[in-house]
């Protein structure tokens, strides 16, 4: 919400203008509310496709790091990537279960 300070034209005692405001000069604040963006499509709100694609990418990178001799430097990073993915997915599942159970501290909107 933004406030814009604008001078509202005054109306004199003789009744010029529309007659809604009389005898005073008013400095008004007009409130302009930004329009709400449209809702995202349902396919973009589902977390599982994103989780699966990223996990598959880390899995492919890990397999390549352990099978291609030239990529042996990638091993710690790919294992760490898989570990962080497992940790993040576990936290997501834990929060979703808590939200479905109705816990007060759980995140909302996890379906």
N, C-alpha and C. Protein backbone atom coordinates (compact mmCIF):
# COMPACT_ATOMS: atom_id res chain seq x y z
N UNK A 1 0.86 -1.15 0.00
CA UNK A 1 0.00 0.00 0.00
C UNK A 1 0.91 1.22 0.00
N UNK A 2 0.64 2.19 -0.85
CA UNK A 2 1.44 3.40 -0.87
C UNK A 2 0.54 4.61 -0.70
N UNK A 3 1.10 5.61 -0.05
CA UNK A 3 0.37 6.84 0.17
C UNK A 3 0.97 7.92 -0.69
N UNK A 4 0.13 8.67 -1.37
CA UNK A 4 0.59 9.77 -2.21
C UNK A 4 -0.06 11.04 -1.70
N UNK A 5 0.77 12.02 -1.41
CA UNK A 5 0.23 13.28 -0.92
C UNK A 5 -0.08 14.16 -2.12
N UNK A 6 -1.34 14.55 -2.24
CA UNK A 6 -1.78 15.40 -3.33
C UNK A 6 -2.68 16.48 -2.78
N UNK A 7 -2.62 17.62 -3.42
CA UNK A 7 -3.48 18.72 -3.00
C UNK A 7 -4.84 18.55 -3.68
N UNK A 8 -5.89 18.60 -2.84
CA UNK A 8 -7.25 18.51 -3.34
C UNK A 8 -7.72 19.93 -3.61
N UNK A 9 -8.29 20.20 -4.77
CA UNK A 9 -8.72 21.57 -5.07
C UNK A 9 -9.76 22.06 -4.07
N UNK A 10 -9.61 23.33 -3.69
CA UNK A 10 -10.56 23.90 -2.72
C UNK A 10 -11.77 24.46 -3.44
N UNK A 11 -12.84 24.57 -2.70
CA UNK A 11 -14.08 25.12 -3.23
C UNK A 11 -14.39 26.37 -2.42
N UNK A 12 -14.69 27.43 -3.10
CA UNK A 12 -14.92 28.70 -2.40
C UNK A 12 -16.34 28.77 -1.82
N UNK A 13 -16.60 29.86 -1.06
CA UNK A 13 -17.90 30.05 -0.44
C UNK A 13 -19.02 30.28 -1.47
N UNK A 14 -18.65 30.73 -2.65
CA UNK A 14 -19.69 31.02 -3.63
C UNK A 14 -20.29 29.76 -4.22
N UNK A 15 -19.73 28.60 -3.92
CA UNK A 15 -20.33 27.37 -4.40
C UNK A 15 -19.80 26.90 -5.74
N UNK A 16 -18.67 27.46 -6.19
CA UNK A 16 -18.10 26.96 -7.43
C UNK A 16 -17.62 25.54 -7.23
N UNK A 17 -17.61 24.81 -8.24
CA UNK A 17 -17.19 23.42 -8.14
C UNK A 17 -18.39 22.52 -7.93
N UNK A 18 -18.11 21.36 -7.37
CA UNK A 18 -19.20 20.39 -7.22
C UNK A 18 -19.96 20.54 -5.91
N UNK A 19 -19.50 21.40 -5.01
CA UNK A 19 -20.24 21.67 -3.79
C UNK A 19 -20.07 20.62 -2.71
N UNK A 20 -19.21 19.61 -2.92
CA UNK A 20 -19.03 18.58 -1.90
C UNK A 20 -18.15 19.08 -0.76
N UNK A 21 -17.14 19.88 -1.08
CA UNK A 21 -16.25 20.42 -0.06
C UNK A 21 -16.44 21.92 -0.07
N UNK A 22 -16.71 22.51 1.08
CA UNK A 22 -16.91 23.95 1.09
C UNK A 22 -16.06 24.60 2.16
N UNK A 23 -15.67 25.81 1.92
CA UNK A 23 -15.00 26.71 2.86
C UNK A 23 -13.58 26.34 3.23
N UNK A 24 -13.07 25.19 2.89
CA UNK A 24 -11.74 24.81 3.35
C UNK A 24 -10.90 24.29 2.21
N UNK A 25 -9.62 24.42 2.39
CA UNK A 25 -8.68 23.80 1.48
C UNK A 25 -8.19 22.53 2.16
N UNK A 26 -8.28 21.43 1.48
CA UNK A 26 -7.98 20.14 2.09
C UNK A 26 -6.73 19.56 1.44
N UNK A 27 -5.84 19.07 2.26
CA UNK A 27 -4.71 18.29 1.75
C UNK A 27 -5.05 16.85 2.06
N UNK A 28 -5.24 16.06 1.04
CA UNK A 28 -5.68 14.69 1.24
C UNK A 28 -4.61 13.68 0.91
N UNK A 29 -4.79 12.53 1.41
CA UNK A 29 -3.93 11.40 1.11
C UNK A 29 -4.77 10.38 0.34
N UNK A 30 -4.32 10.07 -0.84
CA UNK A 30 -5.00 9.07 -1.64
C UNK A 30 -4.23 7.77 -1.50
N UNK A 31 -4.93 6.73 -1.20
CA UNK A 31 -4.30 5.43 -1.00
C UNK A 31 -4.44 4.64 -2.29
N UNK A 32 -3.30 4.20 -2.80
CA UNK A 32 -3.36 3.34 -3.98
C UNK A 32 -2.88 1.96 -3.58
N UNK A 33 -3.69 0.99 -3.84
CA UNK A 33 -3.38 -0.39 -3.48
C UNK A 33 -2.93 -1.12 -4.74
N UNK A 34 -1.78 -1.78 -4.65
CA UNK A 34 -1.27 -2.53 -5.80
C UNK A 34 -2.20 -3.70 -6.10
N UNK A 35 -2.43 -3.98 -7.37
CA UNK A 35 -3.30 -5.11 -7.70
C UNK A 35 -2.65 -6.43 -7.29
N UNK A 36 -3.47 -7.38 -6.95
CA UNK A 36 -2.98 -8.70 -6.55
C UNK A 36 -2.53 -9.46 -7.79
N UNK A 37 -1.36 -10.09 -7.74
CA UNK A 37 -0.93 -10.89 -8.90
C UNK A 37 -1.81 -12.14 -9.01
N UNK A 38 -1.92 -12.69 -10.20
CA UNK A 38 -2.73 -13.90 -10.35
C UNK A 38 -2.08 -15.08 -9.63
N UNK A 39 -2.88 -16.02 -9.25
CA UNK A 39 -2.37 -17.21 -8.55
C UNK A 39 -1.55 -18.06 -9.52
N UNK A 40 -0.55 -18.74 -8.97
CA UNK A 40 0.27 -19.62 -9.79
C UNK A 40 -0.53 -20.86 -10.19
N UNK A 41 -0.22 -21.42 -11.34
CA UNK A 41 -0.90 -22.67 -11.73
C UNK A 41 -0.57 -23.79 -10.74
N UNK A 42 -1.47 -24.73 -10.62
CA UNK A 42 -1.30 -25.82 -9.68
C UNK A 42 -0.03 -26.63 -9.89
N UNK A 43 0.40 -26.77 -11.16
CA UNK A 43 1.61 -27.55 -11.45
C UNK A 43 2.86 -26.91 -10.85
N UNK A 44 2.87 -25.59 -10.74
CA UNK A 44 4.03 -24.91 -10.18
C UNK A 44 4.03 -24.90 -8.65
N UNK A 45 2.93 -25.27 -8.04
CA UNK A 45 2.84 -25.28 -6.59
C UNK A 45 3.21 -26.63 -5.98
N UNK A 46 3.37 -27.64 -6.81
CA UNK A 46 3.69 -28.98 -6.32
C UNK A 46 5.20 -29.09 -6.10
N UNK A 47 5.64 -29.44 -4.90
CA UNK A 47 7.08 -29.52 -4.64
C UNK A 47 7.73 -30.81 -5.13
N UNK A 48 6.97 -31.87 -5.31
CA UNK A 48 7.59 -33.16 -5.62
C UNK A 48 8.33 -33.20 -6.95
N UNK A 49 7.83 -32.60 -8.03
CA UNK A 49 8.62 -32.63 -9.26
C UNK A 49 9.98 -31.94 -9.10
N UNK A 50 10.01 -30.87 -8.36
CA UNK A 50 11.28 -30.16 -8.14
C UNK A 50 12.23 -31.02 -7.31
N UNK A 51 11.71 -31.63 -6.25
CA UNK A 51 12.54 -32.48 -5.40
C UNK A 51 13.11 -33.64 -6.20
N UNK A 52 12.29 -34.28 -7.02
CA UNK A 52 12.72 -35.45 -7.80
C UNK A 52 13.78 -35.06 -8.83
N UNK A 53 13.56 -33.97 -9.54
CA UNK A 53 14.53 -33.55 -10.57
C UNK A 53 15.87 -33.19 -9.96
N UNK A 54 15.87 -32.45 -8.87
CA UNK A 54 17.13 -32.05 -8.24
C UNK A 54 17.83 -33.27 -7.64
N UNK A 55 17.08 -34.16 -6.99
CA UNK A 55 17.69 -35.37 -6.43
C UNK A 55 18.28 -36.25 -7.53
N UNK A 56 17.57 -36.36 -8.65
CA UNK A 56 18.09 -37.15 -9.78
C UNK A 56 19.38 -36.53 -10.32
N UNK A 57 19.42 -35.22 -10.39
CA UNK A 57 20.64 -34.54 -10.84
C UNK A 57 21.82 -34.82 -9.94
N UNK A 58 21.61 -34.75 -8.62
CA UNK A 58 22.70 -35.05 -7.68
C UNK A 58 23.10 -36.52 -7.75
N UNK A 59 22.13 -37.39 -7.95
CA UNK A 59 22.42 -38.82 -8.05
C UNK A 59 23.26 -39.11 -9.30
N UNK A 60 22.90 -38.51 -10.42
CA UNK A 60 23.68 -38.68 -11.65
C UNK A 60 25.10 -38.15 -11.46
N UNK A 61 25.22 -36.97 -10.84
CA UNK A 61 26.54 -36.39 -10.60
C UNK A 61 27.37 -37.29 -9.68
N UNK A 62 26.74 -37.90 -8.67
CA UNK A 62 27.46 -38.78 -7.76
C UNK A 62 27.92 -40.04 -8.48
N UNK A 63 27.06 -40.62 -9.29
CA UNK A 63 27.44 -41.82 -10.04
C UNK A 63 28.61 -41.49 -10.98
N UNK A 64 28.54 -40.36 -11.65
CA UNK A 64 29.64 -39.97 -12.54
C UNK A 64 30.93 -39.72 -11.76
N UNK A 65 30.82 -39.13 -10.59
CA UNK A 65 32.02 -38.85 -9.79
C UNK A 65 32.70 -40.13 -9.34
N UNK A 66 31.93 -41.18 -9.12
CA UNK A 66 32.53 -42.43 -8.66
C UNK A 66 32.87 -43.39 -9.80
N UNK A 67 32.39 -43.14 -11.01
CA UNK A 67 32.69 -44.06 -12.11
C UNK A 67 33.67 -43.48 -13.12
N UNK A 68 33.70 -42.18 -13.30
CA UNK A 68 34.63 -41.55 -14.24
C UNK A 68 35.87 -41.11 -13.48
N UNK A 69 37.05 -41.65 -13.84
CA UNK A 69 38.26 -41.33 -13.08
C UNK A 69 38.61 -39.84 -13.08
N UNK A 70 38.29 -39.12 -14.14
CA UNK A 70 38.63 -37.70 -14.19
C UNK A 70 37.77 -36.82 -13.29
N UNK A 71 36.71 -37.37 -12.76
CA UNK A 71 35.79 -36.59 -11.91
C UNK A 71 35.91 -36.95 -10.44
N UNK A 72 37.01 -37.55 -10.04
CA UNK A 72 37.13 -37.98 -8.64
C UNK A 72 37.16 -36.81 -7.67
N UNK A 73 37.50 -35.61 -8.15
CA UNK A 73 37.48 -34.44 -7.26
C UNK A 73 36.06 -34.04 -6.87
N UNK A 74 35.08 -34.47 -7.64
CA UNK A 74 33.68 -34.12 -7.37
C UNK A 74 33.07 -34.94 -6.25
N UNK A 75 33.71 -36.02 -5.86
CA UNK A 75 33.09 -36.96 -4.90
C UNK A 75 32.60 -36.30 -3.61
N UNK A 76 33.42 -35.51 -2.92
CA UNK A 76 32.91 -34.92 -1.66
C UNK A 76 31.72 -33.98 -1.89
N UNK A 77 31.75 -33.26 -3.00
CA UNK A 77 30.67 -32.30 -3.27
C UNK A 77 29.37 -33.01 -3.61
N UNK A 78 29.47 -34.07 -4.38
CA UNK A 78 28.25 -34.78 -4.77
C UNK A 78 27.64 -35.53 -3.59
N UNK A 79 28.48 -36.09 -2.75
CA UNK A 79 27.97 -36.77 -1.55
C UNK A 79 27.33 -35.74 -0.61
N UNK A 80 27.98 -34.57 -0.49
CA UNK A 80 27.40 -33.51 0.34
C UNK A 80 26.07 -33.03 -0.25
N UNK A 81 26.00 -32.93 -1.58
CA UNK A 81 24.75 -32.53 -2.22
C UNK A 81 23.63 -33.50 -1.96
N UNK A 82 23.94 -34.79 -2.04
CA UNK A 82 22.93 -35.80 -1.71
C UNK A 82 22.51 -35.70 -0.25
N UNK A 83 23.49 -35.50 0.63
CA UNK A 83 23.18 -35.40 2.06
C UNK A 83 22.30 -34.20 2.38
N UNK A 84 22.61 -33.05 1.77
CA UNK A 84 21.79 -31.85 2.00
C UNK A 84 20.39 -32.06 1.43
N UNK A 85 20.30 -32.73 0.29
CA UNK A 85 18.99 -33.03 -0.29
C UNK A 85 18.15 -33.93 0.60
N UNK A 86 18.78 -34.94 1.17
CA UNK A 86 18.07 -35.84 2.09
C UNK A 86 17.63 -35.07 3.33
N UNK A 87 18.51 -34.23 3.86
CA UNK A 87 18.16 -33.44 5.04
C UNK A 87 17.00 -32.49 4.73
N UNK A 88 17.07 -31.78 3.61
CA UNK A 88 16.00 -30.84 3.24
C UNK A 88 14.67 -31.54 3.00
N UNK A 89 14.72 -32.67 2.32
CA UNK A 89 13.49 -33.42 2.08
C UNK A 89 12.91 -33.96 3.38
N UNK A 90 13.78 -34.37 4.30
CA UNK A 90 13.31 -34.86 5.60
C UNK A 90 12.62 -33.74 6.39
N UNK A 91 13.21 -32.55 6.38
CA UNK A 91 12.58 -31.42 7.07
C UNK A 91 11.26 -31.06 6.43
N UNK A 92 11.20 -31.08 5.09
CA UNK A 92 9.94 -30.81 4.39
C UNK A 92 8.86 -31.81 4.79
N UNK A 93 9.21 -33.09 4.79
CA UNK A 93 8.23 -34.12 5.16
C UNK A 93 7.79 -33.99 6.61
N UNK A 94 8.73 -33.66 7.49
CA UNK A 94 8.43 -33.47 8.90
C UNK A 94 7.46 -32.29 9.09
N UNK A 95 7.72 -31.16 8.40
CA UNK A 95 6.84 -30.01 8.51
C UNK A 95 5.46 -30.28 7.90
N UNK A 96 5.44 -31.02 6.80
CA UNK A 96 4.16 -31.33 6.16
C UNK A 96 3.32 -32.23 7.06
N UNK A 97 3.98 -33.20 7.69
CA UNK A 97 3.25 -34.08 8.61
C UNK A 97 2.72 -33.28 9.80
N UNK A 98 3.51 -32.35 10.31
CA UNK A 98 3.07 -31.51 11.43
C UNK A 98 1.91 -30.61 11.01
N UNK A 99 1.95 -30.08 9.78
CA UNK A 99 0.86 -29.22 9.30
C UNK A 99 -0.42 -30.02 9.15
N UNK A 100 -0.33 -31.23 8.66
CA UNK A 100 -1.52 -32.07 8.51
C UNK A 100 -2.08 -32.50 9.86
N UNK A 101 -1.18 -32.64 10.84
CA UNK A 101 -1.59 -33.02 12.18
C UNK A 101 -2.23 -31.84 12.91
N UNK A 102 -1.92 -30.60 12.46
CA UNK A 102 -2.50 -29.42 13.06
C UNK A 102 -1.62 -28.78 14.13
N UNK A 103 -0.32 -29.05 14.12
CA UNK A 103 0.58 -28.44 15.10
C UNK A 103 0.62 -26.93 14.91
N UNK A 104 0.72 -26.24 16.03
CA UNK A 104 0.72 -24.77 15.98
C UNK A 104 1.96 -24.22 15.30
N UNK A 105 3.11 -24.82 15.49
CA UNK A 105 4.36 -24.29 14.95
C UNK A 105 4.68 -24.73 13.54
N UNK A 106 3.80 -25.49 12.93
CA UNK A 106 4.08 -26.01 11.60
C UNK A 106 3.86 -24.92 10.53
N UNK A 107 4.56 -25.08 9.44
CA UNK A 107 4.37 -24.18 8.31
C UNK A 107 3.01 -24.43 7.68
N UNK A 108 2.51 -23.44 6.98
CA UNK A 108 1.23 -23.61 6.28
C UNK A 108 1.48 -23.69 4.79
N UNK A 109 0.57 -24.31 4.09
CA UNK A 109 0.65 -24.41 2.63
C UNK A 109 1.49 -25.56 2.12
N UNK A 110 1.82 -26.53 2.96
CA UNK A 110 2.59 -27.69 2.53
C UNK A 110 1.63 -28.81 2.18
N UNK A 111 1.43 -29.03 0.92
CA UNK A 111 0.52 -30.11 0.51
C UNK A 111 1.24 -31.21 -0.19
